[in-house]
Structure formats: structure tokens, C-alpha cells
């Protein structure tokens, strides 16, 4: 096999690895996003539940391990710095 054709094959494979996911995301984003959210829920041990209130359906996740709250000031590097400055 000549060197030039080997380089072409490697370049083609690299391009396919980059281009195919982009095309899939453009053509069918909903199934991809639903699958990713499902994987995150499974990793967090959450179950999807829903409640009907009047003519509205409210869907929510329930379960988990009861870890730290994610929305408070102490999360992340920026939060730690702000907490130190504020006292």
C-alpha cells in the first residue's frame, strides 16, 4: 500500500469521526438529546414522573442520592472565592 493512500484513509477516518456526529446532530437532534438526558438521569439514579394539574402535565425527576445542592453559592471555584470575600 503506497504511503499516500494510507494518509488518505487516515484523513478520511478522522473526517468521518468529526463530521458524522455533526450531521446526526443537525438531522436528528431530539433523539440524541433525549438519549444524553436519559444517560444523565440513569447516572444520577433519577426516575421521571409526571403530575396532571387541570389540563397541564408537569414532568419532573425524582430520586437521586441526596447529595449537595447544586444551586447555592458554595459550588465551584468562583463560589468559594466569593464566599471567602463575603466572610
PDB file of N, CA and C in Angstrom:
ATOM      1  N   UNK A   1       0.852  -1.182   0.000  1.00  0.00           N
ATOM      2  CA  UNK A   1       0.000   0.000   0.000  1.00  0.00           C
ATOM      3  C   UNK A   1       0.892   1.238   0.000  1.00  0.00           C
ATOM      4  N   UNK A   2       0.735   2.112  -0.986  1.00  0.00           N
ATOM      5  CA  UNK A   2       1.547   3.333  -1.029  1.00  0.00           C
ATOM      6  C   UNK A   2       1.245   4.254   0.151  1.00  0.00           C
ATOM      7  N   UNK A   3       2.242   5.053   0.546  1.00  0.00           N
ATOM      8  CA  UNK A   3       2.095   5.951   1.694  1.00  0.00           C
ATOM      9  C   UNK A   3       0.961   6.952   1.499  1.00  0.00           C
ATOM     10  N   UNK A   4       0.812   7.463   0.296  1.00  0.00           N
ATOM     11  CA  UNK A   4      -0.215   8.464   0.027  1.00  0.00           C
ATOM     12  C   UNK A   4      -1.614   7.939   0.297  1.00  0.00           C
ATOM     13  N   UNK A   5      -1.890   6.679  -0.059  1.00  0.00           N
ATOM     14  CA  UNK A   5      -3.230   6.141   0.152  1.00  0.00           C
ATOM     15  C   UNK A   5      -3.486   5.876   1.643  1.00  0.00           C
ATOM     16  N   UNK A   6      -2.449   5.519   2.379  1.00  0.00           N
ATOM     17  CA  UNK A   6      -2.602   5.303   3.825  1.00  0.00           C
ATOM     18  C   UNK A   6      -2.963   6.622   4.518  1.00  0.00           C
ATOM     19  N   UNK A   7      -2.307   7.704   4.121  1.00  0.00           N
ATOM     20  CA  UNK A   7      -2.617   9.018   4.682  1.00  0.00           C
ATOM     21  C   UNK A   7      -4.041   9.432   4.337  1.00  0.00           C
ATOM     22  N   UNK A   8      -4.468   9.132   3.115  1.00  0.00           N
ATOM     23  CA  UNK A   8      -5.836   9.467   2.706  1.00  0.00           C
ATOM     24  C   UNK A   8      -6.865   8.712   3.532  1.00  0.00           C
ATOM     25  N   UNK A   9      -6.597   7.446   3.790  1.00  0.00           N
ATOM     26  CA  UNK A   9      -7.522   6.636   4.595  1.00  0.00           C
ATOM     27  C   UNK A   9      -7.609   7.188   6.013  1.00  0.00           C
ATOM     28  N   UNK A  10      -6.462   7.516   6.597  1.00  0.00           N
ATOM     29  CA  UNK A  10      -6.449   8.075   7.952  1.00  0.00           C
ATOM     30  C   UNK A  10      -7.189   9.407   7.982  1.00  0.00           C
ATOM     31  N   UNK A  11      -6.965  10.268   6.999  1.00  0.00           N
ATOM     32  CA  UNK A  11      -7.654  11.553   6.922  1.00  0.00           C
ATOM     33  C   UNK A  11      -9.158  11.353   6.749  1.00  0.00           C
ATOM     34  N   UNK A  12      -9.556  10.382   5.933  1.00  0.00           N
ATOM     35  CA  UNK A  12     -10.973  10.087   5.732  1.00  0.00           C
ATOM     36  C   UNK A  12     -11.621   9.620   7.031  1.00  0.00           C
ATOM     37  N   UNK A  13     -10.954   8.749   7.762  1.00  0.00           N
ATOM     38  CA  UNK A  13     -11.488   8.258   9.029  1.00  0.00           C
ATOM     39  C   UNK A  13     -11.623   9.407  10.031  1.00  0.00           C
ATOM     40  N   UNK A  14     -10.633  10.260  10.128  1.00  0.00           N
ATOM     41  CA  UNK A  14     -10.685  11.405  11.046  1.00  0.00           C
ATOM     42  C   UNK A  14     -11.836  12.333  10.660  1.00  0.00           C
ATOM     43  N   UNK A  15     -11.988  12.605   9.378  1.00  0.00           N
ATOM     44  CA  UNK A  15     -13.086  13.465   8.918  1.00  0.00           C
ATOM     45  C   UNK A  15     -14.440  12.839   9.250  1.00  0.00           C
ATOM     46  N   UNK A  16     -14.580  11.537   9.058  1.00  0.00           N
ATOM     47  CA  UNK A  16     -15.839  10.866   9.376  1.00  0.00           C
ATOM     48  C   UNK A  16     -16.137  10.919  10.867  1.00  0.00           C
ATOM     49  N   UNK A  17     -15.110  10.754  11.692  1.00  0.00           N
ATOM     50  CA  UNK A  17     -15.300  10.810  13.141  1.00  0.00           C
ATOM     51  C   UNK A  17     -15.782  12.192  13.565  1.00  0.00           C
ATOM     52  N   UNK A  18     -15.342  13.217  12.869  1.00  0.00           N
ATOM     53  CA  UNK A  18     -15.747  14.580  13.203  1.00  0.00           C
ATOM     54  C   UNK A  18     -17.079  14.951  12.549  1.00  0.00           C
ATOM     55  N   UNK A  19     -17.259  14.606  11.288  1.00  0.00           N
ATOM     56  CA  UNK A  19     -18.413  15.070  10.514  1.00  0.00           C
ATOM     57  C   UNK A  19     -19.698  14.297  10.819  1.00  0.00           C
ATOM     58  N   UNK A  20     -19.626  12.987  10.996  1.00  0.00           N
ATOM     59  CA  UNK A  20     -20.840  12.182  11.200  1.00  0.00           C
ATOM     60  C   UNK A  20     -21.625  12.629  12.433  1.00  0.00           C
ATOM     61  N   UNK A  21     -21.002  12.822  13.607  1.00  0.00           N
ATOM     62  CA  UNK A  21     -21.797  13.310  14.746  1.00  0.00           C
ATOM     63  C   UNK A  21     -22.429  14.683  14.501  1.00  0.00           C
ATOM     64  N   UNK A  22     -21.729  15.557  13.793  1.00  0.00           N
ATOM     65  CA  UNK A  22     -22.282  16.877  13.497  1.00  0.00           C
ATOM     66  C   UNK A  22     -23.506  16.743  12.601  1.00  0.00           C
ATOM     67  N   UNK A  23     -23.429  15.919  11.572  1.00  0.00           N
ATOM     68  CA  UNK A  23     -24.564  15.708  10.669  1.00  0.00           C
ATOM     69  C   UNK A  23     -25.724  15.079  11.425  1.00  0.00           C
ATOM     70  N   UNK A  24     -25.445  14.090  12.278  1.00  0.00           N
ATOM     71  CA  UNK A  24     -26.508  13.465  13.066  1.00  0.00           C
ATOM     72  C   UNK A  24     -27.188  14.479  13.975  1.00  0.00           C
ATOM     73  N   UNK A  25     -26.410  15.361  14.578  1.00  0.00           N
ATOM     74  CA  UNK A  25     -26.991  16.369  15.461  1.00  0.00           C
ATOM     75  C   UNK A  25     -27.858  17.357  14.681  1.00  0.00           C
ATOM     76  N   UNK A  26     -27.454  17.699  13.469  1.00  0.00           N
ATOM     77  CA  UNK A  26     -28.240  18.620  12.647  1.00  0.00           C
ATOM     78  C   UNK A  26     -29.513  17.946  12.151  1.00  0.00           C
ATOM     79  N   UNK A  27     -29.402  16.691  11.720  1.00  0.00           N
ATOM     80  CA  UNK A  27     -30.538  15.983  11.148  1.00  0.00           C
ATOM     81  C   UNK A  27     -31.520  15.514  12.223  1.00  0.00           C
ATOM     82  N   UNK A  28     -31.015  14.991  13.324  1.00  0.00           N
ATOM     83  CA  UNK A  28     -31.891  14.408  14.349  1.00  0.00           C
ATOM     84  C   UNK A  28     -31.435  14.794  15.752  1.00  0.00           C
ATOM     85  N   UNK A  29     -31.560  16.070  16.136  1.00  0.00           N
ATOM     86  CA  UNK A  29     -31.071  16.467  17.459  1.00  0.00           C
ATOM     87  C   UNK A  29     -31.905  15.915  18.612  1.00  0.00           C
ATOM     88  N   UNK A  30     -33.207  15.789  18.435  1.00  0.00           N
ATOM     89  CA  UNK A  30     -34.076  15.366  19.533  1.00  0.00           C
ATOM     90  C   UNK A  30     -33.719  13.975  20.077  1.00  0.00           C
ATOM     91  N   UNK A  31     -33.553  12.941  19.227  1.00  0.00           N
ATOM     92  CA  UNK A  31     -33.193  11.630  19.779  1.00  0.00           C
ATOM     93  C   UNK A  31     -31.840  11.633  20.489  1.00  0.00           C
ATOM     94  N   UNK A  32     -30.903  12.410  19.968  1.00  0.00           N
ATOM     95  CA  UNK A  32     -29.578  12.465  20.584  1.00  0.00           C
ATOM     96  C   UNK A  32     -29.674  13.110  21.964  1.00  0.00           C
ATOM     97  N   UNK A  33     -30.372  14.239  22.043  1.00  0.00           N
ATOM     98  CA  UNK A  33     -30.507  14.946  23.320  1.00  0.00           C
ATOM     99  C   UNK A  33     -31.295  14.096  24.317  1.00  0.00           C
ATOM    100  N   UNK A  34     -32.377  13.446  23.853  1.00  0.00           N
ATOM    101  CA  UNK A  34     -33.157  12.590  24.751  1.00  0.00           C
ATOM    102  C   UNK A  34     -32.299  11.456  25.306  1.00  0.00           C
ATOM    103  N   UNK A  35     -31.452  10.879  24.466  1.00  0.00           N
ATOM    104  CA  UNK A  35     -30.566   9.787  24.911  1.00  0.00           C
ATOM    105  C   UNK A  35     -29.555  10.307  25.937  1.00  0.00           C
ATOM    106  N   UNK A  36     -28.968  11.467  25.681  1.00  0.00           N
ATOM    107  CA  UNK A  36     -27.988  12.020  26.619  1.00  0.00           C
ATOM    108  C   UNK A  36     -28.637  12.354  27.967  1.00  0.00           C
ATOM    109  N   UNK A  37     -29.831  12.941  27.933  1.00  0.00           N
ATOM    110  CA  UNK A  37     -30.537  13.247  29.179  1.00  0.00           C
ATOM    111  C   UNK A  37     -30.879  11.959  29.922  1.00  0.00           C
ATOM    112  N   UNK A  38     -31.286  10.937  29.171  1.00  0.00           N
ATOM    113  CA  UNK A  38     -31.575   9.644  29.788  1.00  0.00           C
ATOM    114  C   UNK A  38     -30.351   9.050  30.467  1.00  0.00           C
ATOM    115  N   UNK A  39     -29.198   9.171  29.835  1.00  0.00           N
ATOM    116  CA  UNK A  39     -27.958   8.671  30.442  1.00  0.00           C
ATOM    117  C   UNK A  39     -27.612   9.440  31.715  1.00  0.00           C
ATOM    118  N   UNK A  40     -27.822  10.755  31.702  1.00  0.00           N
ATOM    119  CA  UNK A  40     -27.559  11.558  32.899  1.00  0.00           C
ATOM    120  C   UNK A  40     -28.511  11.176  34.030  1.00  0.00           C
ATOM    121  N   UNK A  41     -29.780  10.982  33.695  1.00  0.00           N
ATOM    122  CA  UNK A  41     -30.747  10.581  34.716  1.00  0.00           C
ATOM    123  C   UNK A  41     -30.391   9.222  35.305  1.00  0.00           C
ATOM    124  N   UNK A  42     -29.964   8.302  34.432  1.00  0.00           N
ATOM    125  CA  UNK A  42     -29.591   6.964  34.901  1.00  0.00           C
ATOM    126  C   UNK A  42     -28.373   7.040  35.827  1.00  0.00           C
ATOM    127  N   UNK A  43     -27.397   7.859  35.459  1.00  0.00           N
ATOM    128  CA  UNK A  43     -26.194   8.002  36.285  1.00  0.00           C
ATOM    129  C   UNK A  43     -26.528   8.615  37.641  1.00  0.00           C
ATOM    130  N   UNK A  44     -27.518   9.517  37.680  1.00  0.00           N
ATOM    131  CA  UNK A  44     -27.914  10.162  38.926  1.00  0.00           C
ATOM    132  C   UNK A  44     -28.979   9.363  39.686  1.00  0.00           C
ATOM    133  N   UNK A  45     -29.386   8.227  39.105  1.00  0.00           N
ATOM    134  CA  UNK A  45     -30.408   7.360  39.708  1.00  0.00           C
ATOM    135  C   UNK A  45     -31.727   8.104  39.911  1.00  0.00           C
ATOM    136  N   UNK A  46     -32.141   8.828  38.872  1.00  0.00           N
ATOM    137  CA  UNK A  46     -33.397   9.562  38.902  1.00  0.00           C
ATOM    138  C   UNK A  46     -34.459   8.816  38.107  1.00  0.00           C
ATOM    139  N   UNK A  47     -35.707   8.991  38.504  1.00  0.00           N
ATOM    140  CA  UNK A  47     -36.821   8.461  37.728  1.00  0.00           C
ATOM    141  C   UNK A  47     -37.690   9.628  37.275  1.00  0.00           C
ATOM    142  N   UNK A  48     -38.278   9.479  36.104  1.00  0.00           N
ATOM    143  CA  UNK A  48     -39.131  10.524  35.551  1.00  0.00           C
ATOM    144  C   UNK A  48     -40.560  10.264  36.000  1.00  0.00           C
ATOM    145  N   UNK A  49     -41.185  11.277  36.546  1.00  0.00           N
ATOM    146  CA  UNK A  49     -42.572  11.185  36.992  1.00  0.00           C
ATOM    147  C   UNK A  49     -43.327  12.382  36.446  1.00  0.00           C
ATOM    148  N   UNK A  50     -44.646  12.286  36.439  1.00  0.00           N
ATOM    149  CA  UNK A  50     -45.456  13.404  35.959  1.00  0.00           C
ATOM    150  C   UNK A  50     -46.722  13.530  36.790  1.00  0.00           C
ATOM    151  N   UNK A  51     -47.249  14.738  36.814  1.00  0.00           N
ATOM    152  CA  UNK A  51     -48.465  15.059  37.541  1.00  0.00           C
ATOM    153  C   UNK A  51     -49.346  15.869  36.591  1.00  0.00           C
ATOM    154  N   UNK A  52     -50.631  15.560  36.587  1.00  0.00           N
ATOM    155  CA  UNK A  52     -51.573  16.322  35.778  1.00  0.00           C
ATOM    156  C   UNK A  52     -52.315  17.280  36.694  1.00  0.00           C
ATOM    157  N   UNK A  53     -52.214  18.575  36.385  1.00  0.00           N
ATOM    158  CA  UNK A  53     -52.901  19.616  37.147  1.00  0.00           C
ATOM    159  C   UNK A  53     -53.815  20.332  36.160  1.00  0.00           C
ATOM    160  N   UNK A  54     -55.100  20.121  36.305  1.00  0.00           N
ATOM    161  CA  UNK A  54     -56.037  20.696  35.340  1.00  0.00           C
ATOM    162  C   UNK A  54     -55.789  20.087  33.973  1.00  0.00           C
ATOM    163  N   UNK A  55     -55.508  20.940  33.008  1.00  0.00           N
ATOM    164  CA  UNK A  55     -55.182  20.435  31.678  1.00  0.00           C
ATOM    165  C   UNK A  55     -53.687  20.562  31.365  1.00  0.00           C
ATOM    166  N   UNK A  56     -52.860  20.668  32.394  1.00  0.00           N
ATOM    167  CA  UNK A  56     -51.406  20.745  32.242  1.00  0.00           C
ATOM    168  C   UNK A  56     -50.759  19.478  32.789  1.00  0.00           C
ATOM    169  N   UNK A  57     -49.744  19.008  32.119  1.00  0.00           N
ATOM    170  CA  UNK A  57     -48.947  17.891  32.607  1.00  0.00           C
ATOM    171  C   UNK A  57     -47.584  18.420  33.004  1.00  0.00           C
ATOM    172  N   UNK A  58     -47.199  18.185  34.251  1.00  0.00           N
ATOM    173  CA  UNK A  58     -45.907  18.636  34.760  1.00  0.00           C
ATOM    174  C   UNK A  58     -45.026  17.402  34.913  1.00  0.00           C
ATOM    175  N   UNK A  59     -43.899  17.395  34.213  1.00  0.00           N
ATOM    176  CA  UNK A  59     -42.959  16.278  34.246  1.00  0.00           C
ATOM    177  C   UNK A  59     -41.771  16.691  35.106  1.00  0.00           C
ATOM    178  N   UNK A  60     -41.337  15.794  35.993  1.00  0.00           N
ATOM    179  CA  UNK A  60     -40.215  16.103  36.880  1.00  0.00           C
ATOM    180  C   UNK A  60     -39.411  14.836  37.142  1.00  0.00           C
ATOM    181  N   UNK A  61     -38.218  15.010  37.697  1.00  0.00           N
ATOM    182  CA  UNK A  61     -37.354  13.888  38.053  1.00  0.00           C
ATOM    183  C   UNK A  61     -37.350  13.725  39.558  1.00  0.00           C
ATOM    184  N   UNK A  62     -37.309  12.473  39.996  1.00  0.00           N
ATOM    185  CA  UNK A  62     -37.335  12.202  41.427  1.00  0.00           C
ATOM    186  C   UNK A  62     -36.299  11.128  41.748  1.00  0.00           C
ATOM    187  N   UNK A  63     -35.719  11.216  42.922  1.00  0.00           N
ATOM    188  CA  UNK A  63     -34.747  10.207  43.342  1.00  0.00           C
ATOM    189  C   UNK A  63     -33.402  10.826  43.599  1.00  0.00           C
ATOM    190  N   UNK A  64     -32.369  10.125  43.225  1.00  0.00           N
ATOM    191  CA  UNK A  64     -31.015  10.617  43.446  1.00  0.00           C
ATOM    192  C   UNK A  64     -30.467  10.126  44.766  1.00  0.00           C
ATOM    193  N   UNK A  65     -29.262  10.558  45.068  1.00  0.00           N
ATOM    194  CA  UNK A  65     -28.581  10.084  46.261  1.00  0.00           C
ATOM    195  C   UNK A  65     -28.655  11.067  47.413  1.00  0.00           C
ATOM    196  N   UNK A  66     -29.279  12.206  47.230  1.00  0.00           N
ATOM    197  CA  UNK A  66     -29.385  13.184  48.303  1.00  0.00           C
ATOM    198  C   UNK A  66     -28.082  13.905  48.580  1.00  0.00           C
ATOM    199  N   UNK A  67     -27.312  14.139  47.532  1.00  0.00           N
ATOM    200  CA  UNK A  67     -26.035  14.834  47.678  1.00  0.00           C
ATOM    201  C   UNK A  67     -26.210  16.319  47.867  1.00  0.00           C
ATOM    202  N   UNK A  68     -25.127  17.073  47.638  1.00  0.00           N
ATOM    203  CA  UNK A  68     -25.133  18.521  47.826  1.00  0.00           C
ATOM    204  C   UNK A  68     -26.110  19.204  46.891  1.00  0.00           C
ATOM    205  N   UNK A  69     -26.592  20.344  47.329  1.00  0.00           N
ATOM    206  CA  UNK A  69     -27.404  21.185  46.452  1.00  0.00           C
ATOM    207  C   UNK A  69     -26.496  21.778  45.392  1.00  0.00           C
ATOM    208  N   UNK A  70     -27.011  21.917  44.186  1.00  0.00           N
ATOM    209  CA  UNK A  70     -26.175  22.435  43.105  1.00  0.00           C
ATOM    210  C   UNK A  70     -26.329  23.936  42.904  1.00  0.00           C
ATOM    211  N   UNK A  71     -27.370  24.556  43.429  1.00  0.00           N
ATOM    212  CA  UNK A  71     -27.617  25.946  43.113  1.00  0.00           C
ATOM    213  C   UNK A  71     -27.211  26.926  44.190  1.00  0.00           C
ATOM    214  N   UNK A  72     -26.362  26.559  45.098  1.00  0.00           N
ATOM    215  CA  UNK A  72     -26.017  27.500  46.167  1.00  0.00           C
ATOM    216  C   UNK A  72     -24.665  28.150  45.897  1.00  0.00           C
ATOM    217  N   UNK A  73     -24.320  29.153  46.691  1.00  0.00           N
ATOM    218  CA  UNK A  73     -23.111  29.934  46.442  1.00  0.00           C
ATOM    219  C   UNK A  73     -21.822  29.152  46.580  1.00  0.00           C
ATOM    220  N   UNK A  74     -21.793  28.105  47.358  1.00  0.00           N
ATOM    221  CA  UNK A  74     -20.546  27.402  47.636  1.00  0.00           C
ATOM    222  C   UNK A  74     -20.042  26.535  46.513  1.00  0.00           C
ATOM    223  N   UNK A  75     -20.791  26.372  45.438  1.00  0.00           N
ATOM    224  CA  UNK A  75     -20.373  25.494  44.351  1.00  0.00           C
ATOM    225  C   UNK A  75     -19.368  26.157  43.438  1.00  0.00           C
ATOM    226  N   UNK A  76     -18.386  25.418  43.021  1.00  0.00           N
ATOM    227  CA  UNK A  76     -17.429  25.895  42.033  1.00  0.00           C
ATOM    228  C   UNK A  76     -16.375  26.805  42.619  1.00  0.00           C
ATOM    229  N   UNK A  77     -15.350  27.048  41.837  1.00  0.00           N
ATOM    230  CA  UNK A  77     -14.229  27.877  42.270  1.00  0.00           C
ATOM    231  C   UNK A  77     -14.684  29.307  42.516  1.00  0.00           C
ATOM    232  N   UNK A  78     -15.500  29.840  41.643  1.00  0.00           N
ATOM    233  CA  UNK A  78     -15.958  31.220  41.795  1.00  0.00           C
ATOM    234  C   UNK A  78     -16.772  31.365  43.075  1.00  0.00           C
ATOM    235  N   UNK A  79     -17.623  30.384  43.364  1.00  0.00           N
ATOM    236  CA  UNK A  79     -18.424  30.437  44.573  1.00  0.00           C
ATOM    237  C   UNK A  79     -17.574  30.429  45.827  1.00  0.00           C
ATOM    238  N   UNK A  80     -16.505  29.623  45.839  1.00  0.00           N
ATOM    239  CA  UNK A  80     -15.624  29.579  47.008  1.00  0.00           C
ATOM    240  C   UNK A  80     -14.944  30.925  47.218  1.00  0.00           C
ATOM    241  N   UNK A  81     -14.499  31.566  46.123  1.00  0.00           N
ATOM    242  CA  UNK A  81     -13.832  32.853  46.239  1.00  0.00           C
ATOM    243  C   UNK A  81     -14.791  33.910  46.764  1.00  0.00           C
ATOM    244  N   UNK A  82     -16.006  33.916  46.265  1.00  0.00           N
ATOM    245  CA  UNK A  82     -16.990  34.901  46.707  1.00  0.00           C
ATOM    246  C   UNK A  82     -17.312  34.673  48.178  1.00  0.00           C
ATOM    247  N   UNK A  83     -17.463  33.418  48.582  1.00  0.00           N
ATOM    248  CA  UNK A  83     -17.768  33.126  49.993  1.00  0.00           C
ATOM    249  C   UNK A  83     -16.649  33.588  50.913  1.00  0.00           C
ATOM    250  N   UNK A  84     -15.392  33.414  50.502  1.00  0.00           N
ATOM    251  CA  UNK A  84     -14.284  33.873  51.329  1.00  0.00           C
ATOM    252  C   UNK A  84     -14.284  35.381  51.466  1.00  0.00           C
ATOM    253  N   UNK A  85     -14.584  36.073  50.359  1.00  0.00           N
ATOM    254  CA  UNK A  85     -14.580  37.535  50.380  1.00  0.00           C
ATOM    255  C   UNK A  85     -15.741  38.077  51.213  1.00  0.00           C
ATOM    256  N   UNK A  86     -16.869  37.377  51.197  1.00  0.00           N
ATOM    257  CA  UNK A  86     -18.046  37.866  51.898  1.00  0.00           C
ATOM    258  C   UNK A  86     -18.026  37.475  53.368  1.00  0.00           C
ATOM    259  N   UNK A  87     -17.145  36.567  53.733  1.00  0.00           N
ATOM    260  CA  UNK A  87     -16.986  36.339  55.132  1.00  0.00           C
ATOM    261  C   UNK A  87     -17.433  35.087  55.708  1.00  0.00           C
TER     262      UNK A  87
END
